Amino acid sequence: MKFRLRQMEVFRAVMLTGSINGAAKLLFTSQPAVSRIVSHTEQTLGLQLFNRVKGKLVPTPEGEALFREVDDFYQHALRVDDFARGLTQGPTGTLNIAGSPCLSHSLLAGAITRFVQRYPNIRINYHTTLLNGMAQEVLSNKVDLAVSVLPLEHPNLTVQPFTEGRMVCIVPRGHELTQQPSVSIAALAAYPLIAHHPSIPFGQLVSAAFRKAGVTLASRIDIHQTDVACSLVRAGAGVAMVDQFTVAGVAWDDLQVLPLADEIRLTPSIVRSVFDLHRNHADKFIDILMAAA
C-alpha cells in the first residue's frame, strides 16, 4: 500500500488549511513532521500534489482529484467511528407497540418507563388500539407486538398470557353499594348501569356474565373505552363494571372500587405474529413487561 492512512490524514489537513503550518496545528504535530510526510507521499506516489507558490502550497490537478477521493474516504471513516461509539452506548432503533387502552394507565405505562430507562437509545412508538383491530396491526407489521387485555384467537398469531386481572364495580364515593363487602351482578342490575357495548369483546364478556347469573343486562349507557365509564360514573350517570387495570392507573378520589361477587377474569396477553423472526427489540420489552406484571 503506497498511500497509507497517516499520509491521507496529513494530505487532507494540508488541503484544508493550505499550508504546512496550518496542517501541523490541525493535527497537533510539528511542521517538519508534516513536511516530511508530504514529501514522502509525493515520492511514493510519483505525483506532484502541490506547487510551492510564495510560501503557500497550491494543489495541482492531481492533488485536487486525489483530495476528493480522500475526503469521501475520511467522511466514511467518521461515520464508522460514530457507529462504533453508538454500539458502546447500547442498542438503538425503534420499537412499535400497540396496547389495549385499559392497560395504558398503569401496566404498560410502568413497563414502557422502565424500558426507556434501561435502553435510552431505543425509541418507543406506542399507541392504543381496540381488540378488534389488534390482529391486523400485528400481522401487517405496523407494530412489533401488541398487548391485549383479553387473548386473541388467530391462526397466525402467538398469544402469551402474562398476568391475570378481574372486572370490578365502580360507584360514586359513599354510594349505598359500598356497604356490601362485594357486589353481585343481581345487585348491580338494580342501578342505572354503564356497560361496554355488546359488539366488542369486553361487552360480550359482561353479557355472558349476566346470562350466567340469570340476570337481564339493561344498560343505560354503552361505552367502548373503560376510562369513559369512569368519567360517567364520576358525573353521576350511574354505576359501572370495569377492568381493574384502568382504575389502578388513575387516582379518582370521588370513586370507590368494589369487588364483584361473580368473578369475571381477564387474561392480558402478549400478541405477536408467527412470522416474526425476532429481529427487533420486542424480546427486551417482553422481559420487562413480564417482570413488571
C-alpha atoms as a PDB file:
ATOM      1  CA  MET A   1       0.000   0.000   0.000  1.00  0.00           C
ATOM      2  CA  LYS A   2       1.731   3.154  -1.213  1.00  0.00           C
ATOM      3  CA  PHE A   3      -0.756   5.645   0.220  1.00  0.00           C
ATOM      4  CA  ARG A   4      -1.079   4.935   3.932  1.00  0.00           C
ATOM      5  CA  LEU A   5      -3.775   6.193   6.284  1.00  0.00           C
ATOM      6  CA  ARG A   6      -1.432   8.609   8.053  1.00  0.00           C
ATOM      7  CA  GLN A   7      -0.394  10.066   4.714  1.00  0.00           C
ATOM      8  CA  MET A   8      -4.042  10.542   3.777  1.00  0.00           C
ATOM      9  CA  GLU A   9      -4.698  12.321   7.054  1.00  0.00           C
ATOM     10  CA  VAL A  10      -1.756  14.697   6.597  1.00  0.00           C
ATOM     11  CA  PHE A  11      -2.571  15.323   2.919  1.00  0.00           C
ATOM     12  CA  ARG A  12      -6.176  16.185   3.797  1.00  0.00           C
ATOM     13  CA  ALA A  13      -5.040  18.544   6.556  1.00  0.00           C
ATOM     14  CA  VAL A  14      -2.743  20.418   4.158  1.00  0.00           C
ATOM     15  CA  MET A  15      -5.533  20.693   1.599  1.00  0.00           C
ATOM     16  CA  LEU A  16      -7.926  22.071   4.195  1.00  0.00           C
ATOM     17  CA  THR A  17      -5.531  24.607   5.700  1.00  0.00           C
ATOM     18  CA  GLY A  18      -3.424  25.481   2.636  1.00  0.00           C
ATOM     19  CA  SER A  19      -0.105  25.334   4.487  1.00  0.00           C
ATOM     20  CA  ILE A  20       2.312  23.104   6.373  1.00  0.00           C
ATOM     21  CA  ASN A  21       1.947  25.297   9.445  1.00  0.00           C
ATOM     22  CA  GLY A  22      -1.855  25.098   9.400  1.00  0.00           C
ATOM     23  CA  ALA A  23      -1.822  21.330   8.941  1.00  0.00           C
ATOM     24  CA  ALA A  24       0.600  20.920  11.852  1.00  0.00           C
ATOM     25  CA  LYS A  25      -1.722  22.899  14.131  1.00  0.00           C
ATOM     26  CA  LEU A  26      -4.761  20.924  12.955  1.00  0.00           C
ATOM     27  CA  LEU A  27      -3.046  17.602  13.648  1.00  0.00           C
ATOM     28  CA  PHE A  28      -1.240  18.711  16.826  1.00  0.00           C
ATOM     29  CA  THR A  29       2.141  17.775  15.407  1.00  0.00           C
ATOM     30  CA  SER A  30       5.304  19.588  14.246  1.00  0.00           C
ATOM     31  CA  GLN A  31       5.823  21.381  10.934  1.00  0.00           C
ATOM     32  CA  PRO A  32       8.897  19.297   9.994  1.00  0.00           C
ATOM     33  CA  ALA A  33       6.912  16.090  10.519  1.00  0.00           C
ATOM     34  CA  VAL A  34       4.128  17.291   8.215  1.00  0.00           C
ATOM     35  CA  SER A  35       6.628  18.458   5.614  1.00  0.00           C
ATOM     36  CA  ARG A  36       8.447  15.098   5.625  1.00  0.00           C
ATOM     37  CA  ILE A  37       5.185  13.156   5.202  1.00  0.00           C
ATOM     38  CA  VAL A  38       4.055  15.358   2.299  1.00  0.00           C
ATOM     39  CA  SER A  39       7.385  14.927   0.510  1.00  0.00           C
ATOM     40  CA  HIS A  40       7.419  11.191   1.141  1.00  0.00           C
ATOM     41  CA  THR A  41       3.839  10.888  -0.155  1.00  0.00           C
ATOM     42  CA  GLU A  42       4.719  12.638  -3.408  1.00  0.00           C
ATOM     43  CA  GLN A  43       7.775  10.403  -3.841  1.00  0.00           C
ATOM     44  CA  THR A  44       5.970   7.116  -3.170  1.00  0.00           C
ATOM     45  CA  LEU A  45       3.007   8.005  -5.370  1.00  0.00           C
ATOM     46  CA  GLY A  46       5.167   9.502  -8.102  1.00  0.00           C
ATOM     47  CA  LEU A  47       2.888  12.555  -8.226  1.00  0.00           C
ATOM     48  CA  GLN A  48       3.343  16.233  -7.574  1.00  0.00           C
ATOM     49  CA  LEU A  49       0.456  17.105  -5.310  1.00  0.00           C
ATOM     50  CA  PHE A  50       1.311  20.746  -4.612  1.00  0.00           C
ATOM     51  CA  ASN A  51       3.005  23.684  -6.273  1.00  0.00           C
ATOM     52  CA  ARG A  52       5.008  25.911  -3.918  1.00  0.00           C
ATOM     53  CA  VAL A  53       3.918  29.494  -4.631  1.00  0.00           C
ATOM     54  CA  LYS A  54       5.218  32.323  -2.403  1.00  0.00           C
ATOM     55  CA  GLY A  55       5.376  30.096   0.648  1.00  0.00           C
ATOM     56  CA  LYS A  56       1.990  28.525   0.075  1.00  0.00           C
ATOM     57  CA  LEU A  57       1.021  25.082  -1.143  1.00  0.00           C
ATOM     58  CA  VAL A  58      -1.303  25.235  -4.144  1.00  0.00           C
ATOM     59  CA  PRO A  59      -2.782  21.864  -5.113  1.00  0.00           C
ATOM     60  CA  THR A  60      -2.118  20.519  -8.588  1.00  0.00           C
ATOM     61  CA  PRO A  61      -4.956  18.996 -10.644  1.00  0.00           C
ATOM     62  CA  GLU A  62      -3.768  15.583  -9.473  1.00  0.00           C
ATOM     63  CA  GLY A  63      -3.860  16.844  -5.895  1.00  0.00           C
ATOM     64  CA  GLU A  64      -7.421  18.161  -6.320  1.00  0.00           C
ATOM     65  CA  ALA A  65      -8.597  14.843  -7.778  1.00  0.00           C
ATOM     66  CA  LEU A  66      -6.912  12.856  -5.023  1.00  0.00           C
ATOM     67  CA  PHE A  67      -8.414  15.104  -2.345  1.00  0.00           C
ATOM     68  CA  ARG A  68     -11.978  14.331  -3.476  1.00  0.00           C
ATOM     69  CA  GLU A  69     -11.334  10.616  -3.021  1.00  0.00           C
ATOM     70  CA  VAL A  70      -9.545  11.071   0.281  1.00  0.00           C
ATOM     71  CA  ASP A  71     -12.279  13.311   1.688  1.00  0.00           C
ATOM     72  CA  ASP A  72     -15.000  10.809   0.734  1.00  0.00           C
ATOM     73  CA  PHE A  73     -12.980   8.093   2.472  1.00  0.00           C
ATOM     74  CA  TYR A  74     -12.480  10.285   5.537  1.00  0.00           C
ATOM     75  CA  GLN A  75     -16.210  11.083   5.839  1.00  0.00           C
ATOM     76  CA  HIS A  76     -16.999   7.379   5.658  1.00  0.00           C
ATOM     77  CA  ALA A  77     -14.429   6.705   8.380  1.00  0.00           C
ATOM     78  CA  LEU A  78     -16.170   9.284  10.578  1.00  0.00           C
ATOM     79  CA  ARG A  79     -19.497   7.513  10.082  1.00  0.00           C
ATOM     80  CA  VAL A  80     -17.904   4.205  11.049  1.00  0.00           C
ATOM     81  CA  ASP A  81     -16.453   5.855  14.151  1.00  0.00           C
ATOM     82  CA  ASP A  82     -19.871   7.264  15.111  1.00  0.00           C
ATOM     83  CA  PHE A  83     -21.437   3.841  14.558  1.00  0.00           C
ATOM     84  CA  ALA A  84     -18.837   2.165  16.770  1.00  0.00           C
ATOM     85  CA  ARG A  85     -19.392   4.697  19.541  1.00  0.00           C
ATOM     86  CA  GLY A  86     -23.136   4.116  19.231  1.00  0.00           C
ATOM     87  CA  LEU A  87     -22.624   0.400  19.803  1.00  0.00           C
ATOM     88  CA  THR A  88     -20.824   1.106  23.059  1.00  0.00           C
ATOM     89  CA  GLN A  89     -23.828   3.141  24.220  1.00  0.00           C
ATOM     90  CA  GLY A  90     -26.231   0.234  23.792  1.00  0.00           C
ATOM     91  CA  PRO A  91     -28.905  -0.847  21.282  1.00  0.00           C
ATOM     92  CA  THR A  92     -30.577   1.733  19.064  1.00  0.00           C
ATOM     93  CA  GLY A  93     -33.683   1.784  16.892  1.00  0.00           C
ATOM     94  CA  THR A  94     -37.457   1.959  17.292  1.00  0.00           C
ATOM     95  CA  LEU A  95     -39.915  -0.421  18.938  1.00  0.00           C
ATOM     96  CA  ASN A  96     -43.537  -0.190  17.762  1.00  0.00           C
ATOM     97  CA  ILE A  97     -46.159  -1.266  20.299  1.00  0.00           C
ATOM     98  CA  ALA A  98     -49.958  -1.296  20.364  1.00  0.00           C
ATOM     99  CA  GLY A  99     -51.914  -1.892  23.543  1.00  0.00           C
ATOM    100  CA  SER A 100     -55.431  -2.113  24.880  1.00  0.00           C
ATOM    101  CA  PRO A 101     -56.459   1.325  26.203  1.00  0.00           C
ATOM    102  CA  CYS A 102     -57.284  -0.049  29.647  1.00  0.00           C
ATOM    103  CA  LEU A 103     -53.698  -1.325  30.086  1.00  0.00           C
ATOM    104  CA  SER A 104     -52.153   2.047  29.234  1.00  0.00           C
ATOM    105  CA  HIS A 105     -52.808   3.777  32.547  1.00  0.00           C
ATOM    106  CA  SER A 106     -50.770   1.501  34.793  1.00  0.00           C
ATOM    107  CA  LEU A 107     -49.301  -1.742  33.492  1.00  0.00           C
ATOM    108  CA  LEU A 108     -47.955  -0.538  30.139  1.00  0.00           C
ATOM    109  CA  ALA A 109     -47.040   2.910  31.393  1.00  0.00           C
ATOM    110  CA  GLY A 110     -44.757   1.362  34.005  1.00  0.00           C
ATOM    111  CA  ALA A 111     -43.204  -1.147  31.594  1.00  0.00           C
ATOM    112  CA  ILE A 112     -42.515   1.496  28.925  1.00  0.00           C
ATOM    113  CA  THR A 113     -40.917   3.765  31.513  1.00  0.00           C
ATOM    114  CA  ARG A 114     -38.594   1.012  32.716  1.00  0.00           C
ATOM    115  CA  PHE A 115     -37.740   0.079  29.120  1.00  0.00           C
ATOM    116  CA  VAL A 116     -36.621   3.572  28.085  1.00  0.00           C
ATOM    117  CA  GLN A 117     -34.638   3.898  31.299  1.00  0.00           C
ATOM    118  CA  ARG A 118     -32.772   0.676  30.540  1.00  0.00           C
ATOM    119  CA  TYR A 119     -32.425   1.298  26.778  1.00  0.00           C
ATOM    120  CA  PRO A 120     -32.233   5.095  26.368  1.00  0.00           C
ATOM    121  CA  ASN A 121     -31.233   4.876  22.689  1.00  0.00           C
ATOM    122  CA  ILE A 122     -34.286   2.860  21.631  1.00  0.00           C
ATOM    123  CA  ARG A 123     -37.282   4.971  20.681  1.00  0.00           C
ATOM    124  CA  ILE A 124     -40.774   3.752  21.610  1.00  0.00           C
ATOM    125  CA  ASN A 125     -43.672   4.330  19.223  1.00  0.00           C
ATOM    126  CA  TYR A 126     -46.784   3.448  21.242  1.00  0.00           C
ATOM    127  CA  HIS A 127     -50.487   3.792  20.573  1.00  0.00           C
ATOM    128  CA  THR A 128     -53.688   2.245  21.870  1.00  0.00           C
ATOM    129  CA  THR A 129     -55.983   0.116  19.747  1.00  0.00           C
ATOM    130  CA  LEU A 130     -59.158  -1.843  20.347  1.00  0.00           C
ATOM    131  CA  LEU A 131     -59.131  -5.634  20.318  1.00  0.00           C
ATOM    132  CA  ASN A 132     -60.994  -5.940  17.027  1.00  0.00           C
ATOM    133  CA  GLY A 133     -58.191  -4.146  15.164  1.00  0.00           C
ATOM    134  CA  MET A 134     -55.199  -5.538  17.001  1.00  0.00           C
ATOM    135  CA  ALA A 135     -54.614  -8.685  14.915  1.00  0.00           C
ATOM    136  CA  GLN A 136     -54.442  -6.694  11.692  1.00  0.00           C
ATOM    137  CA  GLU A 137     -51.876  -4.289  13.143  1.00  0.00           C
ATOM    138  CA  VAL A 138     -49.614  -7.141  14.224  1.00  0.00           C
ATOM    139  CA  LEU A 139     -49.935  -9.180  11.027  1.00  0.00           C
ATOM    140  CA  SER A 140     -49.407  -6.156   8.769  1.00  0.00           C
ATOM    141  CA  ASN A 141     -46.188  -5.328  10.678  1.00  0.00           C
ATOM    142  CA  LYS A 142     -47.489  -1.935  11.747  1.00  0.00           C
ATOM    143  CA  VAL A 143     -46.354  -2.926  15.238  1.00  0.00           C
ATOM    144  CA  ASP A 144     -43.700  -5.315  16.534  1.00  0.00           C
ATOM    145  CA  LEU A 145     -46.015  -6.596  19.241  1.00  0.00           C
ATOM    146  CA  ALA A 146     -49.333  -5.849  20.880  1.00  0.00           C
ATOM    147  CA  VAL A 147     -50.500  -6.198  24.462  1.00  0.00           C
ATOM    148  CA  SER A 148     -54.171  -7.136  24.747  1.00  0.00           C
ATOM    149  CA  VAL A 149     -56.349  -7.201  27.830  1.00  0.00           C
ATOM    150  CA  LEU A 150     -58.004 -10.393  26.532  1.00  0.00           C
ATOM    151  CA  PRO A 151     -56.491 -13.231  24.483  1.00  0.00           C
ATOM    152  CA  LEU A 152     -56.928 -13.034  20.707  1.00  0.00           C
ATOM    153  CA  GLU A 153     -57.671 -16.039  18.536  1.00  0.00           C
ATOM    154  CA  HIS A 154     -55.999 -16.182  15.132  1.00  0.00           C
ATOM    155  CA  PRO A 155     -54.023 -18.981  13.444  1.00  0.00           C
ATOM    156  CA  ASN A 156     -51.158 -16.626  12.547  1.00  0.00           C
ATOM    157  CA  LEU A 157     -50.760 -15.100  15.993  1.00  0.00           C
ATOM    158  CA  THR A 158     -48.846 -16.316  19.029  1.00  0.00           C
ATOM    159  CA  VAL A 159     -50.658 -15.241  22.187  1.00  0.00           C
ATOM    160  CA  GLN A 160     -48.850 -15.438  25.516  1.00  0.00           C
ATOM    161  CA  PRO A 161     -50.809 -14.644  28.713  1.00  0.00           C
ATOM    162  CA  PHE A 162     -48.557 -12.962  31.265  1.00  0.00           C
ATOM    163  CA  THR A 163     -50.797 -11.916  34.162  1.00  0.00           C
ATOM    164  CA  GLU A 164     -54.394 -12.028  35.415  1.00  0.00           C
ATOM    165  CA  GLY A 165     -56.973  -9.444  36.329  1.00  0.00           C
ATOM    166  CA  ARG A 166     -60.610  -9.064  37.292  1.00  0.00           C
ATOM    167  CA  MET A 167     -63.603  -6.971  36.441  1.00  0.00           C
ATOM    168  CA  VAL A 168     -64.690  -4.732  39.326  1.00  0.00           C
ATOM    169  CA  CYS A 169     -67.572  -2.426  40.145  1.00  0.00           C
ATOM    170  CA  ILE A 170     -67.092   1.337  40.413  1.00  0.00           C
ATOM    171  CA  VAL A 171     -69.562   3.649  42.145  1.00  0.00           C
ATOM    172  CA  PRO A 172     -69.524   7.251  43.379  1.00  0.00           C
ATOM    173  CA  ARG A 173     -67.928   7.596  46.796  1.00  0.00           C
ATOM    174  CA  GLY A 174     -70.487   6.990  49.541  1.00  0.00           C
ATOM    175  CA  HIS A 175     -72.851   5.042  47.280  1.00  0.00           C
ATOM    176  CA  GLU A 176     -75.107   2.591  49.139  1.00  0.00           C
ATOM    177  CA  LEU A 177     -73.441  -0.384  47.402  1.00  0.00           C
ATOM    178  CA  THR A 178     -70.272   0.394  49.374  1.00  0.00           C
ATOM    179  CA  GLN A 179     -72.000  -1.064  52.440  1.00  0.00           C
ATOM    180  CA  GLN A 180     -71.599  -4.522  50.922  1.00  0.00           C
ATOM    181  CA  PRO A 181     -68.281  -6.467  51.049  1.00  0.00           C
ATOM    182  CA  SER A 182     -68.768  -7.441  47.381  1.00  0.00           C
ATOM    183  CA  VAL A 183     -71.338  -6.692  44.729  1.00  0.00           C
ATOM    184  CA  SER A 184     -73.317  -9.373  42.917  1.00  0.00           C
ATOM    185  CA  ILE A 185     -74.468  -8.951  39.338  1.00  0.00           C
ATOM    186  CA  ALA A 186     -78.046  -9.101  40.556  1.00  0.00           C
ATOM    187  CA  ALA A 187     -77.427  -6.196  42.950  1.00  0.00           C
ATOM    188  CA  LEU A 188     -75.625  -4.218  40.255  1.00  0.00           C
ATOM    189  CA  ALA A 189     -78.533  -4.608  37.841  1.00  0.00           C
ATOM    190  CA  ALA A 190     -80.805  -2.696  40.215  1.00  0.00           C
ATOM    191  CA  TYR A 191     -78.991   0.569  39.426  1.00  0.00           C
ATOM    192  CA  PRO A 192     -78.508   2.621  36.242  1.00  0.00           C
ATOM    193  CA  LEU A 193     -75.724   0.695  34.553  1.00  0.00           C
ATOM    194  CA  ILE A 194     -72.901   1.879  32.298  1.00  0.00           C
ATOM    195  CA  ALA A 195     -71.556  -1.072  30.302  1.00  0.00           C
ATOM    196  CA  HIS A 196     -69.318  -1.893  27.365  1.00  0.00           C
ATOM    197  CA  HIS A 197     -71.115  -2.147  24.048  1.00  0.00           C
ATOM    198  CA  PRO A 198     -72.160  -5.753  23.287  1.00  0.00           C
ATOM    199  CA  SER A 199     -70.403  -5.653  19.891  1.00  0.00           C
ATOM    200  CA  ILE A 200     -66.915  -5.537  21.463  1.00  0.00           C
ATOM    201  CA  PRO A 201     -65.132  -8.319  23.410  1.00  0.00           C
ATOM    202  CA  PHE A 202     -65.471  -6.582  26.796  1.00  0.00           C
ATOM    203  CA  GLY A 203     -69.198  -6.193  26.201  1.00  0.00           C
ATOM    204  CA  GLN A 204     -69.525  -9.844  25.218  1.00  0.00           C
ATOM    205  CA  LEU A 205     -67.676 -10.852  28.385  1.00  0.00           C
ATOM    206  CA  VAL A 206     -70.040  -8.810  30.561  1.00  0.00           C
ATOM    207  CA  SER A 207     -73.118 -10.056  28.679  1.00  0.00           C
ATOM    208  CA  ALA A 208     -72.019 -13.658  29.242  1.00  0.00           C
ATOM    209  CA  ALA A 209     -71.593 -12.994  32.964  1.00  0.00           C
ATOM    210  CA  PHE A 210     -75.118 -11.566  33.201  1.00  0.00           C
ATOM    211  CA  ARG A 211     -76.556 -14.562  31.352  1.00  0.00           C
ATOM    212  CA  LYS A 212     -74.696 -16.945  33.649  1.00  0.00           C
ATOM    213  CA  ALA A 213     -76.152 -15.120  36.669  1.00  0.00           C
ATOM    214  CA  GLY A 214     -79.649 -15.303  35.156  1.00  0.00           C
ATOM    215  CA  VAL A 215     -79.938 -11.515  35.101  1.00  0.00           C
ATOM    216  CA  THR A 216     -81.069  -9.354  32.195  1.00  0.00           C
ATOM    217  CA  LEU A 217     -78.450  -6.805  31.150  1.00  0.00           C
ATOM    218  CA  ALA A 218     -80.231  -3.474  30.662  1.00  0.00           C
ATOM    219  CA  SER A 219     -77.541  -0.824  30.360  1.00  0.00           C
ATOM    220  CA  ARG A 220     -78.391   2.859  30.354  1.00  0.00           C
ATOM    221  CA  ILE A 221     -75.190   3.894  28.540  1.00  0.00           C
ATOM    222  CA  ASP A 222     -72.963   1.751  26.312  1.00  0.00           C
ATOM    223  CA  ILE A 223     -69.277   2.710  26.045  1.00  0.00           C
ATOM    224  CA  HIS A 224     -66.231   1.446  24.124  1.00  0.00           C
ATOM    225  CA  GLN A 225     -63.401   2.520  26.466  1.00  0.00           C
ATOM    226  CA  THR A 226     -63.269   1.974  30.203  1.00  0.00           C
ATOM    227  CA  ASP A 227     -61.936   5.393  31.173  1.00  0.00           C
ATOM    228  CA  VAL A 228     -65.099   6.883  29.651  1.00  0.00           C
ATOM    229  CA  ALA A 229     -67.159   4.719  32.002  1.00  0.00           C
ATOM    230  CA  CYS A 230     -65.169   6.075  34.941  1.00  0.00           C
ATOM    231  CA  SER A 231     -65.823   9.659  33.882  1.00  0.00           C
ATOM    232  CA  LEU A 232     -69.549   8.968  33.528  1.00  0.00           C
ATOM    233  CA  VAL A 233     -69.745   7.412  36.990  1.00  0.00           C
ATOM    234  CA  ARG A 234     -67.940  10.416  38.421  1.00  0.00           C
ATOM    235  CA  ALA A 235     -70.514  12.668  36.753  1.00  0.00           C
ATOM    236  CA  GLY A 236     -73.351  10.727  38.376  1.00  0.00           C
ATOM    237  CA  ALA A 237     -74.671   8.892  35.308  1.00  0.00           C
ATOM    238  CA  GLY A 238     -74.777   5.521  37.059  1.00  0.00           C
ATOM    239  CA  VAL A 239     -72.561   2.646  38.204  1.00  0.00           C
ATOM    240  CA  ALA A 240     -70.261   0.553  36.020  1.00  0.00           C
ATOM    241  CA  MET A 241     -68.497  -2.760  35.692  1.00  0.00           C
ATOM    242  CA  VAL A 242     -64.911  -2.133  34.512  1.00  0.00           C
ATOM    243  CA  ASP A 243     -61.470  -3.744  34.474  1.00  0.00           C
ATOM    244  CA  GLN A 244     -59.175  -3.393  37.468  1.00  0.00           C
ATOM    245  CA  PHE A 245     -56.260  -2.095  35.365  1.00  0.00           C
ATOM    246  CA  THR A 246     -57.923   1.173  34.424  1.00  0.00           C
ATOM    247  CA  VAL A 247     -58.910   2.077  37.971  1.00  0.00           C
ATOM    248  CA  ALA A 248     -55.477   1.056  39.271  1.00  0.00           C
ATOM    249  CA  GLY A 249     -53.800   3.525  36.929  1.00  0.00           C
ATOM    250  CA  VAL A 250     -55.825   6.627  37.733  1.00  0.00           C
ATOM    251  CA  ALA A 251     -56.431   8.096  41.192  1.00  0.00           C
ATOM    252  CA  TRP A 252     -60.025   9.350  41.394  1.00  0.00           C
ATOM    253  CA  ASP A 253     -60.862  10.298  44.957  1.00  0.00           C
ATOM    254  CA  ASP A 254     -64.571  10.557  44.182  1.00  0.00           C
ATOM    255  CA  LEU A 255     -64.836   6.930  43.018  1.00  0.00           C
ATOM    256  CA  GLN A 256     -64.893   3.725  45.026  1.00  0.00           C
ATOM    257  CA  VAL A 257     -63.872   0.348  43.637  1.00  0.00           C
ATOM    258  CA  LEU A 258     -65.791  -2.692  44.844  1.00  0.00           C
ATOM    259  CA  PRO A 259     -65.041  -6.391  44.176  1.00  0.00           C
ATOM    260  CA  LEU A 260     -67.583  -8.414  42.256  1.00  0.00           C
ATOM    261  CA  ALA A 261     -69.050 -11.486  43.910  1.00  0.00           C
ATOM    262  CA  ASP A 262     -69.432 -13.059  40.461  1.00  0.00           C
ATOM    263  CA  GLU A 263     -65.827 -13.361  39.295  1.00  0.00           C
ATOM    264  CA  ILE A 264     -65.050 -12.265  35.731  1.00  0.00           C
ATOM    265  CA  ARG A 265     -61.412 -12.978  34.883  1.00  0.00           C
ATOM    266  CA  LEU A 266     -59.196 -11.092  32.469  1.00  0.00           C
ATOM    267  CA  THR A 267     -56.054 -12.511  30.914  1.00  0.00           C
ATOM    268  CA  PRO A 268     -53.759  -9.799  29.491  1.00  0.00           C
ATOM    269  CA  SER A 269     -51.607 -11.309  26.752  1.00  0.00           C
ATOM    270  CA  ILE A 270     -48.621 -10.534  24.540  1.00  0.00           C
ATOM    271  CA  VAL A 271     -49.535 -10.832  20.871  1.00  0.00           C
ATOM    272  CA  ARG A 272     -47.004 -11.440  18.085  1.00  0.00           C
ATOM    273  CA  SER A 273     -47.041 -12.736  14.550  1.00  0.00           C
ATOM    274  CA  VAL A 274     -45.997 -16.344  13.951  1.00  0.00           C
ATOM    275  CA  PHE A 275     -43.888 -14.938  11.103  1.00  0.00           C
ATOM    276  CA  ASP A 276     -41.947 -12.677  13.482  1.00  0.00           C
ATOM    277  CA  LEU A 277     -38.242 -13.504  13.139  1.00  0.00           C
ATOM    278  CA  HIS A 278     -37.462 -11.804  16.477  1.00  0.00           C
ATOM    279  CA  ARG A 279     -35.035  -9.376  14.861  1.00  0.00           C
ATOM    280  CA  ASN A 280     -36.245  -6.339  16.778  1.00  0.00           C
ATOM    281  CA  HIS A 281     -36.336  -5.163  20.364  1.00  0.00           C
ATOM    282  CA  ALA A 282     -39.648  -6.822  21.247  1.00  0.00           C
ATOM    283  CA  ASP A 283     -37.996  -9.542  23.345  1.00  0.00           C
ATOM    284  CA  LYS A 284     -36.328  -6.929  25.542  1.00  0.00           C
ATOM    285  CA  PHE A 285     -39.675  -5.237  26.169  1.00  0.00           C
ATOM    286  CA  ILE A 286     -41.435  -8.527  26.894  1.00  0.00           C
ATOM    287  CA  ASP A 287     -38.857  -9.386  29.574  1.00  0.00           C
ATOM    288  CA  ILE A 288     -39.517  -6.062  31.300  1.00  0.00           C
ATOM    289  CA  LEU A 289     -43.298  -6.355  30.948  1.00  0.00           C
ATOM    290  CA  MET A 290     -43.398  -9.835  32.446  1.00  0.00           C
ATOM    291  CA  ALA A 291     -41.177  -8.759  35.325  1.00  0.00           C
ATOM    292  CA  ALA A 292     -43.472  -5.790  35.988  1.00  0.00           C
ATOM    293  CA  ALA A 293     -46.575  -7.996  35.921  1.00  0.00           C
END
